[in-house]
N, C-alpha and C. Protein backbone atom coordinates (compact mmCIF):
# COMPACT_ATOMS: atom_id res chain seq x y z
N MET A 1 116.81 137.02 93.55
CA MET A 1 118.13 137.43 94.02
C MET A 1 119.08 136.24 94.10
N TYR A 2 118.54 135.06 94.37
CA TYR A 2 119.40 133.89 94.51
C TYR A 2 120.10 133.55 93.20
N TYR A 3 119.41 133.76 92.08
CA TYR A 3 120.04 133.47 90.79
C TYR A 3 121.07 134.54 90.43
N VAL A 4 120.93 135.74 90.94
CA VAL A 4 121.96 136.77 90.76
C VAL A 4 123.22 136.34 91.51
N GLU A 5 123.04 135.83 92.73
CA GLU A 5 124.19 135.35 93.51
C GLU A 5 124.85 134.16 92.82
N LEU A 6 124.04 133.28 92.24
CA LEU A 6 124.60 132.15 91.51
C LEU A 6 125.36 132.64 90.27
N ALA A 7 124.82 133.62 89.58
CA ALA A 7 125.51 134.18 88.41
C ALA A 7 126.85 134.80 88.82
N LEU A 8 126.87 135.49 89.96
CA LEU A 8 128.13 136.06 90.45
C LEU A 8 129.12 134.95 90.80
N ALA A 9 128.64 133.87 91.37
CA ALA A 9 129.51 132.72 91.67
C ALA A 9 130.11 132.16 90.39
N ILE A 10 129.30 132.07 89.34
CA ILE A 10 129.77 131.54 88.06
C ILE A 10 130.83 132.46 87.46
N VAL A 11 130.58 133.76 87.50
CA VAL A 11 131.54 134.73 86.95
C VAL A 11 132.85 134.67 87.73
N MET A 12 132.78 134.59 89.04
CA MET A 12 134.00 134.54 89.86
C MET A 12 134.76 133.24 89.65
N GLU A 13 134.03 132.14 89.44
CA GLU A 13 134.69 130.86 89.16
C GLU A 13 135.41 130.93 87.82
N LEU A 14 134.78 131.52 86.84
CA LEU A 14 135.41 131.67 85.53
C LEU A 14 136.64 132.56 85.62
N LEU A 15 136.54 133.66 86.36
CA LEU A 15 137.68 134.53 86.56
C LEU A 15 138.81 133.79 87.26
N GLY A 16 138.48 133.06 88.32
CA GLY A 16 139.50 132.32 89.05
C GLY A 16 140.20 131.28 88.20
N THR A 17 139.43 130.59 87.37
CA THR A 17 140.01 129.57 86.50
C THR A 17 140.96 130.19 85.49
N ASN A 18 140.57 131.32 84.92
CA ASN A 18 141.44 131.98 83.94
C ASN A 18 142.67 132.59 84.59
N LEU A 19 142.52 133.13 85.79
CA LEU A 19 143.69 133.63 86.51
C LEU A 19 144.63 132.49 86.87
N MET A 20 144.07 131.31 87.16
CA MET A 20 144.90 130.15 87.47
C MET A 20 145.76 129.79 86.25
N LYS A 21 145.18 129.81 85.08
CA LYS A 21 145.94 129.53 83.86
C LYS A 21 147.04 130.58 83.68
N LEU A 22 146.69 131.84 83.88
CA LEU A 22 147.67 132.91 83.72
C LEU A 22 148.76 132.88 84.79
N SER A 23 148.49 132.22 85.92
CA SER A 23 149.48 132.17 87.01
C SER A 23 150.65 131.25 86.67
N ASN A 24 150.51 130.45 85.60
CA ASN A 24 151.59 129.57 85.16
C ASN A 24 152.06 128.65 86.29
N GLY A 25 151.12 127.86 86.80
CA GLY A 25 151.46 126.93 87.89
C GLY A 25 151.74 127.65 89.20
N PHE A 26 151.06 128.75 89.43
CA PHE A 26 151.21 129.60 90.61
C PHE A 26 152.61 130.19 90.73
N SER A 27 153.30 130.33 89.61
CA SER A 27 154.63 130.94 89.63
C SER A 27 154.58 132.45 89.41
N ARG A 28 153.42 132.97 89.03
CA ARG A 28 153.24 134.41 88.86
C ARG A 28 152.33 134.89 90.00
N LEU A 29 152.93 135.56 90.97
CA LEU A 29 152.31 135.86 92.26
C LEU A 29 150.96 136.55 92.14
N TRP A 30 150.85 137.62 91.35
CA TRP A 30 149.60 138.40 91.33
C TRP A 30 148.45 137.60 90.73
N PHE A 31 148.74 136.83 89.70
CA PHE A 31 147.70 135.98 89.13
C PHE A 31 147.30 134.88 90.12
N ALA A 32 148.29 134.36 90.84
CA ALA A 32 147.99 133.32 91.84
C ALA A 32 147.12 133.89 92.96
N LEU A 33 147.46 135.07 93.45
CA LEU A 33 146.64 135.69 94.49
C LEU A 33 145.24 136.01 93.98
N GLY A 34 145.15 136.46 92.75
CA GLY A 34 143.85 136.73 92.15
C GLY A 34 143.00 135.47 92.05
N THR A 35 143.65 134.34 91.78
CA THR A 35 142.95 133.05 91.74
C THR A 35 142.27 132.77 93.06
N PHE A 36 143.02 132.92 94.15
CA PHE A 36 142.47 132.63 95.48
C PHE A 36 141.34 133.59 95.86
N VAL A 37 141.51 134.85 95.53
CA VAL A 37 140.47 135.84 95.84
C VAL A 37 139.20 135.53 95.03
N ALA A 38 139.37 135.24 93.74
CA ALA A 38 138.21 134.97 92.89
C ALA A 38 137.48 133.71 93.36
N TYR A 39 138.22 132.66 93.70
CA TYR A 39 137.56 131.45 94.17
C TYR A 39 136.91 131.65 95.53
N GLY A 40 137.52 132.47 96.39
CA GLY A 40 136.89 132.79 97.66
C GLY A 40 135.55 133.48 97.45
N CYS A 41 135.53 134.46 96.55
CA CYS A 41 134.28 135.16 96.22
C CYS A 41 133.28 134.21 95.58
N CYS A 42 133.78 133.32 94.73
CA CYS A 42 132.93 132.35 94.06
C CYS A 42 132.17 131.50 95.08
N PHE A 43 132.90 130.93 96.03
CA PHE A 43 132.26 130.06 97.00
C PHE A 43 131.37 130.85 97.97
N PHE A 44 131.73 132.10 98.23
CA PHE A 44 130.87 132.94 99.05
C PHE A 44 129.51 133.15 98.37
N PHE A 45 129.54 133.54 97.09
CA PHE A 45 128.28 133.77 96.37
C PHE A 45 127.52 132.47 96.15
N LEU A 46 128.23 131.38 95.91
CA LEU A 46 127.55 130.09 95.76
C LEU A 46 126.83 129.73 97.05
N SER A 47 127.48 129.96 98.18
CA SER A 47 126.85 129.64 99.46
C SER A 47 125.60 130.50 99.70
N LEU A 48 125.66 131.76 99.28
CA LEU A 48 124.49 132.62 99.42
C LEU A 48 123.33 132.14 98.54
N SER A 49 123.66 131.69 97.34
CA SER A 49 122.61 131.23 96.42
C SER A 49 121.91 129.99 96.95
N LEU A 50 122.60 129.20 97.76
CA LEU A 50 122.03 127.96 98.28
C LEU A 50 120.92 128.22 99.31
N ARG A 51 120.77 129.46 99.75
CA ARG A 51 119.68 129.79 100.66
C ARG A 51 118.33 129.67 99.97
N GLY A 52 118.31 129.80 98.62
CA GLY A 52 117.04 129.79 97.91
C GLY A 52 116.99 128.87 96.71
N ILE A 53 118.12 128.22 96.39
CA ILE A 53 118.17 127.29 95.26
C ILE A 53 118.61 125.94 95.79
N LYS A 54 117.96 124.89 95.33
CA LYS A 54 118.35 123.55 95.76
C LYS A 54 119.80 123.28 95.38
N LEU A 55 120.51 122.55 96.24
CA LEU A 55 121.93 122.26 96.03
C LEU A 55 122.17 121.61 94.68
N ASN A 56 121.38 120.57 94.34
CA ASN A 56 121.64 119.87 93.08
C ASN A 56 121.42 120.78 91.87
N VAL A 57 120.47 121.66 91.93
CA VAL A 57 120.21 122.58 90.82
C VAL A 57 121.31 123.64 90.75
N ALA A 58 121.66 124.21 91.88
CA ALA A 58 122.70 125.25 91.91
C ALA A 58 124.04 124.69 91.44
N TYR A 59 124.40 123.51 91.92
CA TYR A 59 125.70 122.94 91.58
C TYR A 59 125.76 122.54 90.11
N ALA A 60 124.66 121.96 89.59
CA ALA A 60 124.62 121.61 88.17
C ALA A 60 124.74 122.85 87.30
N THR A 61 124.04 123.91 87.68
CA THR A 61 124.08 125.15 86.91
C THR A 61 125.46 125.79 86.99
N TRP A 62 126.02 125.84 88.18
CA TRP A 62 127.34 126.43 88.40
C TRP A 62 128.41 125.67 87.62
N GLY A 63 128.41 124.37 87.75
CA GLY A 63 129.41 123.56 87.07
C GLY A 63 129.24 123.58 85.56
N GLY A 64 128.01 123.42 85.10
CA GLY A 64 127.75 123.40 83.67
C GLY A 64 128.07 124.72 83.01
N ALA A 65 127.64 125.80 83.62
CA ALA A 65 127.92 127.13 83.05
C ALA A 65 129.42 127.40 83.05
N GLY A 66 130.10 126.97 84.11
CA GLY A 66 131.56 127.13 84.17
C GLY A 66 132.26 126.40 83.05
N ILE A 67 131.82 125.19 82.75
CA ILE A 67 132.43 124.40 81.68
C ILE A 67 132.20 125.07 80.33
N VAL A 68 130.98 125.49 80.08
CA VAL A 68 130.67 126.13 78.80
C VAL A 68 131.44 127.44 78.64
N LEU A 69 131.42 128.27 79.66
CA LEU A 69 132.10 129.56 79.56
C LEU A 69 133.62 129.41 79.49
N ALA A 70 134.17 128.45 80.23
CA ALA A 70 135.62 128.22 80.16
C ALA A 70 136.02 127.75 78.76
N THR A 71 135.18 126.96 78.14
CA THR A 71 135.47 126.51 76.78
C THR A 71 135.46 127.69 75.81
N VAL A 72 134.50 128.57 75.96
CA VAL A 72 134.41 129.75 75.09
C VAL A 72 135.64 130.63 75.28
N VAL A 73 136.00 130.88 76.54
CA VAL A 73 137.17 131.73 76.82
C VAL A 73 138.45 131.07 76.31
N SER A 74 138.60 129.77 76.55
CA SER A 74 139.83 129.10 76.10
C SER A 74 139.95 129.13 74.58
N TYR A 75 138.82 129.07 73.88
CA TYR A 75 138.85 129.11 72.42
C TYR A 75 139.19 130.51 71.90
N PHE A 76 138.49 131.53 72.41
CA PHE A 76 138.65 132.87 71.87
C PHE A 76 139.83 133.65 72.46
N ILE A 77 140.13 133.43 73.72
CA ILE A 77 141.21 134.20 74.36
C ILE A 77 142.55 133.47 74.29
N PHE A 78 142.54 132.18 74.62
CA PHE A 78 143.78 131.42 74.65
C PHE A 78 144.03 130.64 73.36
N HIS A 79 143.12 130.74 72.40
CA HIS A 79 143.24 130.11 71.09
C HIS A 79 143.49 128.60 71.19
N GLU A 80 142.79 127.96 72.12
CA GLU A 80 142.85 126.52 72.27
C GLU A 80 141.74 125.89 71.43
N GLY A 81 142.06 124.83 70.73
CA GLY A 81 141.09 124.18 69.86
C GLY A 81 140.04 123.40 70.65
N VAL A 82 138.91 123.19 70.00
CA VAL A 82 137.82 122.39 70.56
C VAL A 82 137.39 121.40 69.49
N SER A 83 137.39 120.13 69.83
CA SER A 83 137.00 119.12 68.85
C SER A 83 135.48 118.94 68.82
N GLY A 84 135.02 118.28 67.78
CA GLY A 84 133.60 117.98 67.68
C GLY A 84 133.12 117.12 68.82
N LEU A 85 133.94 116.16 69.23
CA LEU A 85 133.57 115.30 70.35
C LEU A 85 133.47 116.08 71.65
N GLN A 86 134.36 117.05 71.84
CA GLN A 86 134.27 117.91 73.02
C GLN A 86 132.99 118.74 72.99
N LEU A 87 132.66 119.25 71.83
CA LEU A 87 131.42 120.04 71.70
C LEU A 87 130.20 119.18 71.98
N LEU A 88 130.23 117.92 71.54
CA LEU A 88 129.13 117.01 71.84
C LEU A 88 129.01 116.81 73.35
N GLY A 89 130.14 116.57 74.01
CA GLY A 89 130.12 116.39 75.46
C GLY A 89 129.60 117.61 76.19
N ILE A 90 130.03 118.79 75.76
CA ILE A 90 129.57 120.03 76.38
C ILE A 90 128.08 120.22 76.13
N SER A 91 127.61 119.85 74.94
CA SER A 91 126.18 119.94 74.64
C SER A 91 125.38 119.04 75.57
N LEU A 92 125.90 117.86 75.83
CA LEU A 92 125.22 116.94 76.76
C LEU A 92 125.18 117.51 78.17
N ILE A 93 126.24 118.20 78.56
CA ILE A 93 126.25 118.85 79.87
C ILE A 93 125.17 119.92 79.94
N VAL A 94 125.04 120.71 78.88
CA VAL A 94 124.01 121.76 78.83
C VAL A 94 122.62 121.13 78.95
N VAL A 95 122.39 120.05 78.23
CA VAL A 95 121.10 119.35 78.31
C VAL A 95 120.87 118.88 79.74
N GLY A 96 121.89 118.33 80.37
CA GLY A 96 121.76 117.88 81.76
C GLY A 96 121.43 119.01 82.72
N VAL A 97 122.07 120.16 82.53
CA VAL A 97 121.79 121.31 83.39
C VAL A 97 120.36 121.79 83.20
N VAL A 98 119.91 121.85 81.95
CA VAL A 98 118.53 122.26 81.69
C VAL A 98 117.55 121.28 82.36
N LEU A 99 117.80 119.99 82.20
CA LEU A 99 116.93 119.00 82.83
C LEU A 99 116.94 119.11 84.35
N ALA A 100 118.12 119.34 84.93
CA ALA A 100 118.21 119.50 86.39
C ALA A 100 117.40 120.70 86.86
N ASN A 101 117.48 121.79 86.09
CA ASN A 101 116.72 123.00 86.45
C ASN A 101 115.22 122.78 86.31
N VAL A 102 114.81 122.15 85.22
CA VAL A 102 113.38 121.90 85.02
C VAL A 102 112.85 120.96 86.09
N ALA A 103 113.57 119.89 86.36
CA ALA A 103 113.13 118.93 87.38
C ALA A 103 113.20 119.54 88.78
N GLY A 104 114.13 120.49 88.97
CA GLY A 104 114.29 121.09 90.30
C GLY A 104 113.17 122.03 90.68
N THR A 105 112.37 122.43 89.71
CA THR A 105 111.27 123.35 90.01
C THR A 105 110.00 122.61 90.38
N HIS A 106 110.01 121.28 90.30
CA HIS A 106 108.80 120.49 90.62
C HIS A 106 108.94 119.78 91.93
């Protein structure tokens, strides 16, 4: 159940980040309010996941998954380019998250 809560935290963080972009510097009220609600839910679910997942593992997974998913959304939805060097950096983040998870189980 803890990983379900972590997954919900990741989804809410991704939603909040995309609503923040759509808020245009918090000048569009409904998107701005949605940002705050999504981040509130994100931190709520993250805090619940910490009852059963080590902080370093949960935070690495949350942050890494957020970066990867935000990159995918920015590419396909907002049509923002991604360079090879950025993809290399994101790949290194994924490797780090995997290592944190593997090491966190021992």
